[in-house]
């Protein structure tokens, strides 16, 4: 697993990272590279992105991390609050998340 491979394995890592941030009080998560042509940023580092663009073929690909962030942004709306989960559901990894308020 490394930056720039746009793998499902790395997307799972990002899922756990976002889950950790939200369950520990973060109000949001900013994703730096929404679209890249290839896997290299404008400053020359290998990076993942939500979308990859093939400028010659004029096509784009939704990468695995797109689906991770879509899961959160589709079902959890602004104003929703994370609830503390207790009991057996708090023992699984990653812990279950529950929201109160505006949820699709």
PDB file of N, CA and C in Angstrom:
ATOM      1  N   UNK A   1       0.852  -1.171   0.000  1.00  0.00           N
ATOM      2  CA  UNK A   1       0.000   0.000   0.000  1.00  0.00           C
ATOM      3  C   UNK A   1       0.899   1.236   0.000  1.00  0.00           C
ATOM      4  N   UNK A   2       0.673   2.119  -0.955  1.00  0.00           N
ATOM      5  CA  UNK A   2       1.460   3.346  -1.012  1.00  0.00           C
ATOM      6  C   UNK A   2       0.631   4.448  -1.654  1.00  0.00           C
ATOM      7  N   UNK A   3       1.065   5.679  -1.422  1.00  0.00           N
ATOM      8  CA  UNK A   3       0.397   6.814  -2.064  1.00  0.00           C
ATOM      9  C   UNK A   3       0.485   6.655  -3.572  1.00  0.00           C
ATOM     10  N   UNK A   4      -0.590   6.983  -4.242  1.00  0.00           N
ATOM     11  CA  UNK A   4      -0.573   7.012  -5.695  1.00  0.00           C
ATOM     12  C   UNK A   4      -1.016   5.742  -6.375  1.00  0.00           C
ATOM     13  N   UNK A   5      -1.334   4.695  -5.611  1.00  0.00           N
ATOM     14  CA  UNK A   5      -1.767   3.479  -6.298  1.00  0.00           C
ATOM     15  C   UNK A   5      -3.289   3.397  -6.432  1.00  0.00           C
ATOM     16  N   UNK A   6      -4.019   4.325  -5.780  1.00  0.00           N
ATOM     17  CA  UNK A   6      -5.482   4.366  -5.859  1.00  0.00           C
ATOM     18  C   UNK A   6      -6.106   2.986  -5.641  1.00  0.00           C
ATOM     19  N   UNK A   7      -5.612   2.270  -4.643  1.00  0.00           N
ATOM     20  CA  UNK A   7      -6.065   0.901  -4.393  1.00  0.00           C
ATOM     21  C   UNK A   7      -7.219   0.863  -3.401  1.00  0.00           C
ATOM     22  N   UNK A   8      -7.936  -0.258  -3.411  1.00  0.00           N
ATOM     23  CA  UNK A   8      -8.996  -0.476  -2.424  1.00  0.00           C
ATOM     24  C   UNK A   8      -8.389  -0.605  -1.030  1.00  0.00           C
ATOM     25  N   UNK A   9      -7.194  -1.155  -0.942  1.00  0.00           N
ATOM     26  CA  UNK A   9      -6.523  -1.289   0.346  1.00  0.00           C
ATOM     27  C   UNK A   9      -6.274   0.091   0.966  1.00  0.00           C
ATOM     28  N   UNK A  10      -5.799   1.033   0.163  1.00  0.00           N
ATOM     29  CA  UNK A  10      -5.549   2.380   0.679  1.00  0.00           C
ATOM     30  C   UNK A  10      -6.868   3.093   0.985  1.00  0.00           C
ATOM     31  N   UNK A  11      -7.890   2.833   0.191  1.00  0.00           N
ATOM     32  CA  UNK A  11      -9.209   3.421   0.454  1.00  0.00           C
ATOM     33  C   UNK A  11      -9.749   2.939   1.797  1.00  0.00           C
ATOM     34  N   UNK A  12      -9.507   1.677   2.134  1.00  0.00           N
ATOM     35  CA  UNK A  12      -9.937   1.165   3.438  1.00  0.00           C
ATOM     36  C   UNK A  12      -9.197   1.895   4.560  1.00  0.00           C
ATOM     37  N   UNK A  13      -7.915   2.165   4.362  1.00  0.00           N
ATOM     38  CA  UNK A  13      -7.144   2.936   5.338  1.00  0.00           C
ATOM     39  C   UNK A  13      -7.773   4.324   5.535  1.00  0.00           C
ATOM     40  N   UNK A  14      -8.152   4.986   4.440  1.00  0.00           N
ATOM     41  CA  UNK A  14      -8.776   6.310   4.519  1.00  0.00           C
ATOM     42  C   UNK A  14     -10.128   6.218   5.227  1.00  0.00           C
ATOM     43  N   UNK A  15     -10.888   5.145   4.972  1.00  0.00           N
ATOM     44  CA  UNK A  15     -12.164   4.948   5.664  1.00  0.00           C
ATOM     45  C   UNK A  15     -11.944   4.920   7.171  1.00  0.00           C
ATOM     46  N   UNK A  16     -10.954   4.146   7.623  1.00  0.00           N
ATOM     47  CA  UNK A  16     -10.661   4.061   9.059  1.00  0.00           C
ATOM     48  C   UNK A  16     -10.189   5.415   9.598  1.00  0.00           C
ATOM     49  N   UNK A  17      -9.416   6.143   8.801  1.00  0.00           N
ATOM     50  CA  UNK A  17      -8.913   7.451   9.214  1.00  0.00           C
ATOM     51  C   UNK A  17     -10.069   8.443   9.400  1.00  0.00           C
ATOM     52  N   UNK A  18     -10.966   8.526   8.425  1.00  0.00           N
ATOM     53  CA  UNK A  18     -12.120   9.426   8.526  1.00  0.00           C
ATOM     54  C   UNK A  18     -12.996   9.013   9.706  1.00  0.00           C
ATOM     55  N   UNK A  19     -13.217   7.718   9.857  1.00  0.00           N
ATOM     56  CA  UNK A  19     -14.012   7.205  10.970  1.00  0.00           C
ATOM     57  C   UNK A  19     -13.393   7.642  12.296  1.00  0.00           C
ATOM     58  N   UNK A  20     -12.084   7.506  12.420  1.00  0.00           N
ATOM     59  CA  UNK A  20     -11.379   7.913  13.640  1.00  0.00           C
ATOM     60  C   UNK A  20     -11.568   9.408  13.906  1.00  0.00           C
ATOM     61  N   UNK A  21     -11.370  10.225  12.879  1.00  0.00           N
ATOM     62  CA  UNK A  21     -11.503  11.674  13.055  1.00  0.00           C
ATOM     63  C   UNK A  21     -12.916  12.050  13.498  1.00  0.00           C
ATOM     64  N   UNK A  22     -13.931  11.481  12.840  1.00  0.00           N
ATOM     65  CA  UNK A  22     -15.312  11.837  13.163  1.00  0.00           C
ATOM     66  C   UNK A  22     -15.718  11.364  14.554  1.00  0.00           C
ATOM     67  N   UNK A  23     -15.256  10.188  14.957  1.00  0.00           N
ATOM     68  CA  UNK A  23     -15.627   9.697  16.284  1.00  0.00           C
ATOM     69  C   UNK A  23     -14.856  10.405  17.396  1.00  0.00           C
ATOM     70  N   UNK A  24     -13.832  11.180  17.033  1.00  0.00           N
ATOM     71  CA  UNK A  24     -13.061  11.913  18.036  1.00  0.00           C
ATOM     72  C   UNK A  24     -13.260  13.426  17.935  1.00  0.00           C
ATOM     73  N   UNK A  25     -14.372  13.838  17.329  1.00  0.00           N
ATOM     74  CA  UNK A  25     -14.765  15.236  17.397  1.00  0.00           C
ATOM     75  C   UNK A  25     -14.508  16.108  16.184  1.00  0.00           C
ATOM     76  N   UNK A  26     -13.935  15.574  15.111  1.00  0.00           N
ATOM     77  CA  UNK A  26     -13.720  16.405  13.922  1.00  0.00           C
ATOM     78  C   UNK A  26     -15.063  16.830  13.335  1.00  0.00           C
ATOM     79  N   UNK A  27     -15.119  18.027  12.822  1.00  0.00           N
ATOM     80  CA  UNK A  27     -16.345  18.537  12.211  1.00  0.00           C
ATOM     81  C   UNK A  27     -16.369  18.323  10.702  1.00  0.00           C
ATOM     82  N   UNK A  28     -15.241  17.928  10.132  1.00  0.00           N
ATOM     83  CA  UNK A  28     -15.181  17.706   8.697  1.00  0.00           C
ATOM     84  C   UNK A  28     -13.878  17.043   8.311  1.00  0.00           C
ATOM     85  N   UNK A  29     -13.779  16.698   7.042  1.00  0.00           N
ATOM     86  CA  UNK A  29     -12.569  16.080   6.504  1.00  0.00           C
ATOM     87  C   UNK A  29     -12.334  16.692   5.132  1.00  0.00           C
ATOM     88  N   UNK A  30     -11.157  17.239   4.911  1.00  0.00           N
ATOM     89  CA  UNK A  30     -10.829  17.857   3.629  1.00  0.00           C
ATOM     90  C   UNK A  30      -9.950  16.913   2.825  1.00  0.00           C
ATOM     91  N   UNK A  31     -10.366  16.635   1.608  1.00  0.00           N
ATOM     92  CA  UNK A  31      -9.600  15.765   0.721  1.00  0.00           C
ATOM     93  C   UNK A  31      -8.825  16.648  -0.249  1.00  0.00           C
ATOM     94  N   UNK A  32      -7.532  16.490  -0.294  1.00  0.00           N
ATOM     95  CA  UNK A  32      -6.675  17.425  -1.017  1.00  0.00           C
ATOM     96  C   UNK A  32      -6.744  17.302  -2.541  1.00  0.00           C
ATOM     97  N   UNK A  33      -6.646  16.109  -3.076  1.00  0.00           N
ATOM     98  CA  UNK A  33      -6.575  15.921  -4.531  1.00  0.00           C
ATOM     99  C   UNK A  33      -7.865  15.323  -5.062  1.00  0.00           C
ATOM    100  N   UNK A  34      -8.755  16.166  -5.530  1.00  0.00           N
ATOM    101  CA  UNK A  34     -10.005  15.654  -6.069  1.00  0.00           C
ATOM    102  C   UNK A  34      -9.769  14.976  -7.420  1.00  0.00           C
ATOM    103  N   UNK A  35      -8.988  15.616  -8.288  1.00  0.00           N
ATOM    104  CA  UNK A  35      -8.756  15.100  -9.636  1.00  0.00           C
ATOM    105  C   UNK A  35      -7.275  15.201  -9.969  1.00  0.00           C
ATOM    106  N   UNK A  36      -6.713  14.113 -10.494  1.00  0.00           N
ATOM    107  CA  UNK A  36      -5.337  14.131 -10.986  1.00  0.00           C
ATOM    108  C   UNK A  36      -5.277  13.439 -12.341  1.00  0.00           C
ATOM    109  N   UNK A  37      -4.411  13.937 -13.191  1.00  0.00           N
ATOM    110  CA  UNK A  37      -4.098  13.234 -14.436  1.00  0.00           C
ATOM    111  C   UNK A  37      -2.943  12.301 -14.094  1.00  0.00           C
ATOM    112  N   UNK A  38      -3.228  11.032 -13.930  1.00  0.00           N
ATOM    113  CA  UNK A  38      -2.226  10.082 -13.460  1.00  0.00           C
ATOM    114  C   UNK A  38      -2.239  10.019 -11.947  1.00  0.00           C
ATOM    115  N   UNK A  39      -1.074   9.770 -11.354  1.00  0.00           N
ATOM    116  CA  UNK A  39      -1.001   9.650  -9.893  1.00  0.00           C
ATOM    117  C   UNK A  39       0.015  10.609  -9.293  1.00  0.00           C
ATOM    118  N   UNK A  40       0.405  11.627 -10.054  1.00  0.00           N
ATOM    119  CA  UNK A  40       1.400  12.565  -9.561  1.00  0.00           C
ATOM    120  C   UNK A  40       0.775  13.948  -9.405  1.00  0.00           C
ATOM    121  N   UNK A  41       1.012  14.564  -8.247  1.00  0.00           N
ATOM    122  CA  UNK A  41       0.475  15.899  -7.998  1.00  0.00           C
ATOM    123  C   UNK A  41       1.256  16.938  -8.802  1.00  0.00           C
ATOM    124  N   UNK A  42       0.782  18.173  -8.762  1.00  0.00           N
ATOM    125  CA  UNK A  42       1.460  19.245  -9.497  1.00  0.00           C
ATOM    126  C   UNK A  42       2.842  19.537  -8.932  1.00  0.00           C
ATOM    127  N   UNK A  43       3.132  19.102  -7.713  1.00  0.00           N
ATOM    128  CA  UNK A  43       4.469  19.304  -7.142  1.00  0.00           C
ATOM    129  C   UNK A  43       5.328  18.045  -7.244  1.00  0.00           C
ATOM    130  N   UNK A  44       4.838  17.012  -7.990  1.00  0.00           N
ATOM    131  CA  UNK A  44       5.660  15.856  -8.302  1.00  0.00           C
ATOM    132  C   UNK A  44       5.608  14.696  -7.329  1.00  0.00           C
ATOM    133  N   UNK A  45       4.688  14.708  -6.370  1.00  0.00           N
ATOM    134  CA  UNK A  45       4.566  13.600  -5.424  1.00  0.00           C
ATOM    135  C   UNK A  45       3.497  12.632  -5.904  1.00  0.00           C
ATOM    136  N   UNK A  46       3.710  11.342  -5.664  1.00  0.00           N
ATOM    137  CA  UNK A  46       2.675  10.351  -5.965  1.00  0.00           C
ATOM    138  C   UNK A  46       1.545  10.519  -4.957  1.00  0.00           C
ATOM    139  N   UNK A  47       0.337  10.667  -5.456  1.00  0.00           N
ATOM    140  CA  UNK A  47      -0.824  10.935  -4.621  1.00  0.00           C
ATOM    141  C   UNK A  47      -2.020  10.128  -5.115  1.00  0.00           C
ATOM    142  N   UNK A  48      -2.933   9.834  -4.201  1.00  0.00           N
ATOM    143  CA  UNK A  48      -4.223   9.280  -4.582  1.00  0.00           C
ATOM    144  C   UNK A  48      -5.155  10.434  -4.914  1.00  0.00           C
ATOM    145  N   UNK A  49      -6.221  10.135  -5.612  1.00  0.00           N
ATOM    146  CA  UNK A  49      -7.220  11.154  -5.932  1.00  0.00           C
ATOM    147  C   UNK A  49      -8.585  10.492  -6.012  1.00  0.00           C
ATOM    148  N   UNK A  50      -9.629  11.313  -5.921  1.00  0.00           N
ATOM    149  CA  UNK A  50     -10.977  10.776  -6.049  1.00  0.00           C
ATOM    150  C   UNK A  50     -11.256  10.362  -7.489  1.00  0.00           C
ATOM    151  N   UNK A  51     -10.721  11.128  -8.435  1.00  0.00           N
ATOM    152  CA  UNK A  51     -10.892  10.844  -9.858  1.00  0.00           C
ATOM    153  C   UNK A  51      -9.535  10.883 -10.541  1.00  0.00           C
ATOM    154  N   UNK A  52      -9.336   9.991 -11.509  1.00  0.00           N
ATOM    155  CA  UNK A  52      -8.161  10.042 -12.378  1.00  0.00           C
ATOM    156  C   UNK A  52      -8.641  10.389 -13.776  1.00  0.00           C
ATOM    157  N   UNK A  53      -7.913  11.272 -14.432  1.00  0.00           N
ATOM    158  CA  UNK A  53      -8.282  11.710 -15.772  1.00  0.00           C
ATOM    159  C   UNK A  53      -7.224  11.249 -16.762  1.00  0.00           C
ATOM    160  N   UNK A  54      -7.684  10.672 -17.862  1.00  0.00           N
ATOM    161  CA  UNK A  54      -6.806  10.345 -18.978  1.00  0.00           C
ATOM    162  C   UNK A  54      -7.049  11.424 -20.026  1.00  0.00           C
ATOM    163  N   UNK A  55      -6.122  12.380 -20.116  1.00  0.00           N
ATOM    164  CA  UNK A  55      -6.334  13.533 -20.991  1.00  0.00           C
ATOM    165  C   UNK A  55      -6.295  13.162 -22.469  1.00  0.00           C
ATOM    166  N   UNK A  56      -5.567  12.111 -22.816  1.00  0.00           N
ATOM    167  CA  UNK A  56      -5.512  11.705 -24.228  1.00  0.00           C
ATOM    168  C   UNK A  56      -6.803  11.013 -24.657  1.00  0.00           C
ATOM    169  N   UNK A  57      -7.299  10.103 -23.834  1.00  0.00           N
ATOM    170  CA  UNK A  57      -8.532   9.382 -24.168  1.00  0.00           C
ATOM    171  C   UNK A  57      -9.776  10.196 -23.818  1.00  0.00           C
ATOM    172  N   UNK A  58      -9.579  11.300 -23.055  1.00  0.00           N
ATOM    173  CA  UNK A  58     -10.684  12.148 -22.604  1.00  0.00           C
ATOM    174  C   UNK A  58     -11.711  11.347 -21.801  1.00  0.00           C
ATOM    175  N   UNK A  59     -11.183  10.576 -20.835  1.00  0.00           N
ATOM    176  CA  UNK A  59     -12.028   9.785 -19.943  1.00  0.00           C
ATOM    177  C   UNK A  59     -11.622  10.055 -18.499  1.00  0.00           C
ATOM    178  N   UNK A  60     -12.485   9.658 -17.580  1.00  0.00           N
ATOM    179  CA  UNK A  60     -12.143   9.760 -16.164  1.00  0.00           C
ATOM    180  C   UNK A  60     -12.554   8.469 -15.470  1.00  0.00           C
ATOM    181  N   UNK A  61     -11.919   8.209 -14.337  1.00  0.00           N
ATOM    182  CA  UNK A  61     -12.195   7.019 -13.541  1.00  0.00           C
ATOM    183  C   UNK A  61     -12.475   7.442 -12.110  1.00  0.00           C
ATOM    184  N   UNK A  62     -13.535   6.900 -11.531  1.00  0.00           N
ATOM    185  CA  UNK A  62     -13.783   7.092 -10.099  1.00  0.00           C
ATOM    186  C   UNK A  62     -12.887   6.103  -9.360  1.00  0.00           C
ATOM    187  N   UNK A  63     -12.023   6.615  -8.512  1.00  0.00           N
ATOM    188  CA  UNK A  63     -11.111   5.765  -7.756  1.00  0.00           C
ATOM    189  C   UNK A  63     -11.763   5.303  -6.453  1.00  0.00           C
ATOM    190  N   UNK A  64     -11.225   4.261  -5.812  1.00  0.00           N
ATOM    191  CA  UNK A  64     -11.842   3.717  -4.599  1.00  0.00           C
ATOM    192  C   UNK A  64     -12.117   4.741  -3.498  1.00  0.00           C
ATOM    193  N   UNK A  65     -11.244   5.725  -3.303  1.00  0.00           N
ATOM    194  CA  UNK A  65     -11.472   6.703  -2.241  1.00  0.00           C
ATOM    195  C   UNK A  65     -12.689   7.583  -2.524  1.00  0.00           C
ATOM    196  N   UNK A  66     -13.079   7.707  -3.782  1.00  0.00           N
ATOM    197  CA  UNK A  66     -14.314   8.416  -4.125  1.00  0.00           C
ATOM    198  C   UNK A  66     -15.493   7.757  -3.404  1.00  0.00           C
ATOM    199  N   UNK A  67     -15.542   6.425  -3.437  1.00  0.00           N
ATOM    200  CA  UNK A  67     -16.660   5.702  -2.834  1.00  0.00           C
ATOM    201  C   UNK A  67     -16.644   5.809  -1.311  1.00  0.00           C
ATOM    202  N   UNK A  68     -15.457   5.908  -0.718  1.00  0.00           N
ATOM    203  CA  UNK A  68     -15.357   6.112   0.732  1.00  0.00           C
ATOM    204  C   UNK A  68     -15.999   7.442   1.106  1.00  0.00           C
ATOM    205  N   UNK A  69     -15.576   8.519   0.452  1.00  0.00           N
ATOM    206  CA  UNK A  69     -16.102   9.838   0.796  1.00  0.00           C
ATOM    207  C   UNK A  69     -17.554   9.997   0.362  1.00  0.00           C
ATOM    208  N   UNK A  70     -17.939   9.332  -0.705  1.00  0.00           N
ATOM    209  CA  UNK A  70     -19.340   9.384  -1.131  1.00  0.00           C
ATOM    210  C   UNK A  70     -20.233   8.752  -0.068  1.00  0.00           C
ATOM    211  N   UNK A  71     -19.768   7.684   0.547  1.00  0.00           N
ATOM    212  CA  UNK A  71     -20.544   7.020   1.592  1.00  0.00           C
ATOM    213  C   UNK A  71     -20.876   8.004   2.715  1.00  0.00           C
ATOM    214  N   UNK A  72     -19.876   8.739   3.174  1.00  0.00           N
ATOM    215  CA  UNK A  72     -20.119   9.710   4.243  1.00  0.00           C
ATOM    216  C   UNK A  72     -20.955  10.889   3.749  1.00  0.00           C
ATOM    217  N   UNK A  73     -20.611  11.456   2.609  1.00  0.00           N
ATOM    218  CA  UNK A  73     -21.289  12.671   2.159  1.00  0.00           C
ATOM    219  C   UNK A  73     -22.708  12.404   1.664  1.00  0.00           C
ATOM    220  N   UNK A  74     -22.998  11.191   1.220  1.00  0.00           N
ATOM    221  CA  UNK A  74     -24.346  10.880   0.743  1.00  0.00           C
ATOM    222  C   UNK A  74     -25.315  10.654   1.900  1.00  0.00           C
ATOM    223  N   UNK A  75     -24.860   9.944   2.921  1.00  0.00           N
ATOM    224  CA  UNK A  75     -25.756   9.560   4.004  1.00  0.00           C
ATOM    225  C   UNK A  75     -25.751  10.515   5.187  1.00  0.00           C
ATOM    226  N   UNK A  76     -24.683  11.264   5.374  1.00  0.00           N
ATOM    227  CA  UNK A  76     -24.586  12.165   6.520  1.00  0.00           C
ATOM    228  C   UNK A  76     -24.603  13.598   6.001  1.00  0.00           C
ATOM    229  N   UNK A  77     -25.608  14.342   6.394  1.00  0.00           N
ATOM    230  CA  UNK A  77     -25.799  15.710   5.913  1.00  0.00           C
ATOM    231  C   UNK A  77     -25.272  16.733   6.917  1.00  0.00           C
ATOM    232  N   UNK A  78     -25.011  17.951   6.448  1.00  0.00           N
ATOM    233  CA  UNK A  78     -24.593  19.014   7.371  1.00  0.00           C
ATOM    234  C   UNK A  78     -25.597  19.169   8.512  1.00  0.00           C
ATOM    235  N   UNK A  79     -25.081  19.312   9.705  1.00  0.00           N
ATOM    236  CA  UNK A  79     -25.928  19.464  10.881  1.00  0.00           C
ATOM    237  C   UNK A  79     -26.107  18.187  11.675  1.00  0.00           C
ATOM    238  N   UNK A  80     -25.806  17.028  11.081  1.00  0.00           N
ATOM    239  CA  UNK A  80     -25.919  15.762  11.810  1.00  0.00           C
ATOM    240  C   UNK A  80     -24.810  15.691  12.856  1.00  0.00           C
ATOM    241  N   UNK A  81     -25.062  14.990  13.940  1.00  0.00           N
ATOM    242  CA  UNK A  81     -24.097  14.853  15.031  1.00  0.00           C
ATOM    243  C   UNK A  81     -23.762  13.386  15.251  1.00  0.00           C
ATOM    244  N   UNK A  82     -22.502  13.114  15.560  1.00  0.00           N
ATOM    245  CA  UNK A  82     -22.073  11.754  15.872  1.00  0.00           C
ATOM    246  C   UNK A  82     -22.544  11.410  17.277  1.00  0.00           C
ATOM    247  N   UNK A  83     -23.148  10.245  17.423  1.00  0.00           N
ATOM    248  CA  UNK A  83     -23.575   9.759  18.732  1.00  0.00           C
ATOM    249  C   UNK A  83     -22.550   8.772  19.266  1.00  0.00           C
ATOM    250  N   UNK A  84     -22.406   8.721  20.568  1.00  0.00           N
ATOM    251  CA  UNK A  84     -21.520   7.736  21.174  1.00  0.00           C
ATOM    252  C   UNK A  84     -22.188   6.368  21.090  1.00  0.00           C
ATOM    253  N   UNK A  85     -21.430   5.371  20.673  1.00  0.00           N
ATOM    254  CA  UNK A  85     -21.942   4.008  20.554  1.00  0.00           C
ATOM    255  C   UNK A  85     -21.387   3.208  21.722  1.00  0.00           C
ATOM    256  N   UNK A  86     -22.261   2.485  22.408  1.00  0.00           N
ATOM    257  CA  UNK A  86     -21.846   1.699  23.568  1.00  0.00           C
ATOM    258  C   UNK A  86     -22.182   0.234  23.355  1.00  0.00           C
ATOM    259  N   UNK A  87     -21.673  -0.605  24.231  1.00  0.00           N
ATOM    260  CA  UNK A  87     -21.993  -2.028  24.190  1.00  0.00           C
ATOM    261  C   UNK A  87     -21.206  -2.765  23.132  1.00  0.00           C
ATOM    262  N   UNK A  88     -21.767  -3.872  22.660  1.00  0.00           N
ATOM    263  CA  UNK A  88     -21.026  -4.746  21.745  1.00  0.00           C
ATOM    264  C   UNK A  88     -20.673  -4.078  20.421  1.00  0.00           C
ATOM    265  N   UNK A  89     -21.451  -3.083  19.986  1.00  0.00           N
ATOM    266  CA  UNK A  89     -21.155  -2.421  18.719  1.00  0.00           C
ATOM    267  C   UNK A  89     -19.953  -1.489  18.815  1.00  0.00           C
ATOM    268  N   UNK A  90     -19.562  -1.113  20.028  1.00  0.00           N
ATOM    269  CA  UNK A  90     -18.385  -0.262  20.186  1.00  0.00           C
ATOM    270  C   UNK A  90     -17.103  -1.082  20.186  1.00  0.00           C
ATOM    271  N   UNK A  91     -17.223  -2.402  20.226  1.00  0.00           N
ATOM    272  CA  UNK A  91     -16.047  -3.266  20.312  1.00  0.00           C
ATOM    273  C   UNK A  91     -15.546  -3.745  18.957  1.00  0.00           C
ATOM    274  N   UNK A  92     -16.343  -3.575  17.909  1.00  0.00           N
ATOM    275  CA  UNK A  92     -15.897  -4.029  16.593  1.00  0.00           C
ATOM    276  C   UNK A  92     -14.943  -3.008  15.988  1.00  0.00           C
ATOM    277  N   UNK A  93     -14.197  -3.423  15.003  1.00  0.00           N
ATOM    278  CA  UNK A  93     -13.231  -2.525  14.375  1.00  0.00           C
ATOM    279  C   UNK A  93     -13.517  -2.442  12.884  1.00  0.00           C
ATOM    280  N   UNK A  94     -13.770  -1.263  12.313  1.00  0.00           N
ATOM    281  CA  UNK A  94     -13.869   0.004  13.015  1.00  0.00           C
ATOM    282  C   UNK A  94     -15.164   0.055  13.806  1.00  0.00           C
ATOM    283  N   UNK A  95     -15.206   0.879  14.850  1.00  0.00           N
ATOM    284  CA  UNK A  95     -16.433   0.956  15.630  1.00  0.00           C
ATOM    285  C   UNK A  95     -17.587   1.473  14.783  1.00  0.00           C
ATOM    286  N   UNK A  96     -18.779   1.015  15.113  1.00  0.00           N
ATOM    287  CA  UNK A  96     -19.972   1.513  14.425  1.00  0.00           C
ATOM    288  C   UNK A  96     -20.097   3.008  14.660  1.00  0.00           C
ATOM    289  N   UNK A  97     -20.670   3.686  13.701  1.00  0.00           N
ATOM    290  CA  UNK A  97     -20.938   5.109  13.860  1.00  0.00           C
ATOM    291  C   UNK A  97     -22.436   5.314  13.771  1.00  0.00           C
ATOM    292  N   UNK A  98     -22.941   6.179  14.624  1.00  0.00           N
ATOM    293  CA  UNK A  98     -24.356   6.532  14.591  1.00  0.00           C
ATOM    294  C   UNK A  98     -24.457   8.048  14.569  1.00  0.00           C
ATOM    295  N   UNK A  99     -25.439   8.548  13.835  1.00  0.00           N
ATOM    296  CA  UNK A  99     -25.622   9.990  13.703  1.00  0.00           C
ATOM    297  C   UNK A  99     -27.029  10.366  14.118  1.00  0.00           C
ATOM    298  N   UNK A 100     -27.174  11.561  14.667  1.00  0.00           N
ATOM    299  CA  UNK A 100     -28.466  12.109  15.036  1.00  0.00           C
ATOM    300  C   UNK A 100     -28.661  13.388  14.249  1.00  0.00           C
ATOM    301  N   UNK A 101     -29.844  13.572  13.754  1.00  0.00           N
ATOM    302  CA  UNK A 101     -30.124  14.811  13.036  1.00  0.00           C
ATOM    303  C   UNK A 101     -30.445  14.531  11.595  1.00  0.00           C
ATOM    304  N   UNK A 102     -29.811  15.257  10.729  1.00  0.00           N
ATOM    305  CA  UNK A 102     -30.138  15.222   9.316  1.00  0.00           C
ATOM    306  C   UNK A 102     -29.331  14.125   8.640  1.00  0.00           C
ATOM    307  N   UNK A 103     -29.963  12.972   8.434  1.00  0.00           N
ATOM    308  CA  UNK A 103     -29.307  11.836   7.796  1.00  0.00           C
ATOM    309  C   UNK A 103     -30.205  11.373   6.657  1.00  0.00           C
ATOM    310  N   UNK A 104     -29.633  11.135   5.481  1.00  0.00           N
ATOM    311  CA  UNK A 104     -30.420  10.716   4.312  1.00  0.00           C
ATOM    312  C   UNK A 104     -30.955   9.310   4.494  1.00  0.00           C
TER     313      UNK A 104
END
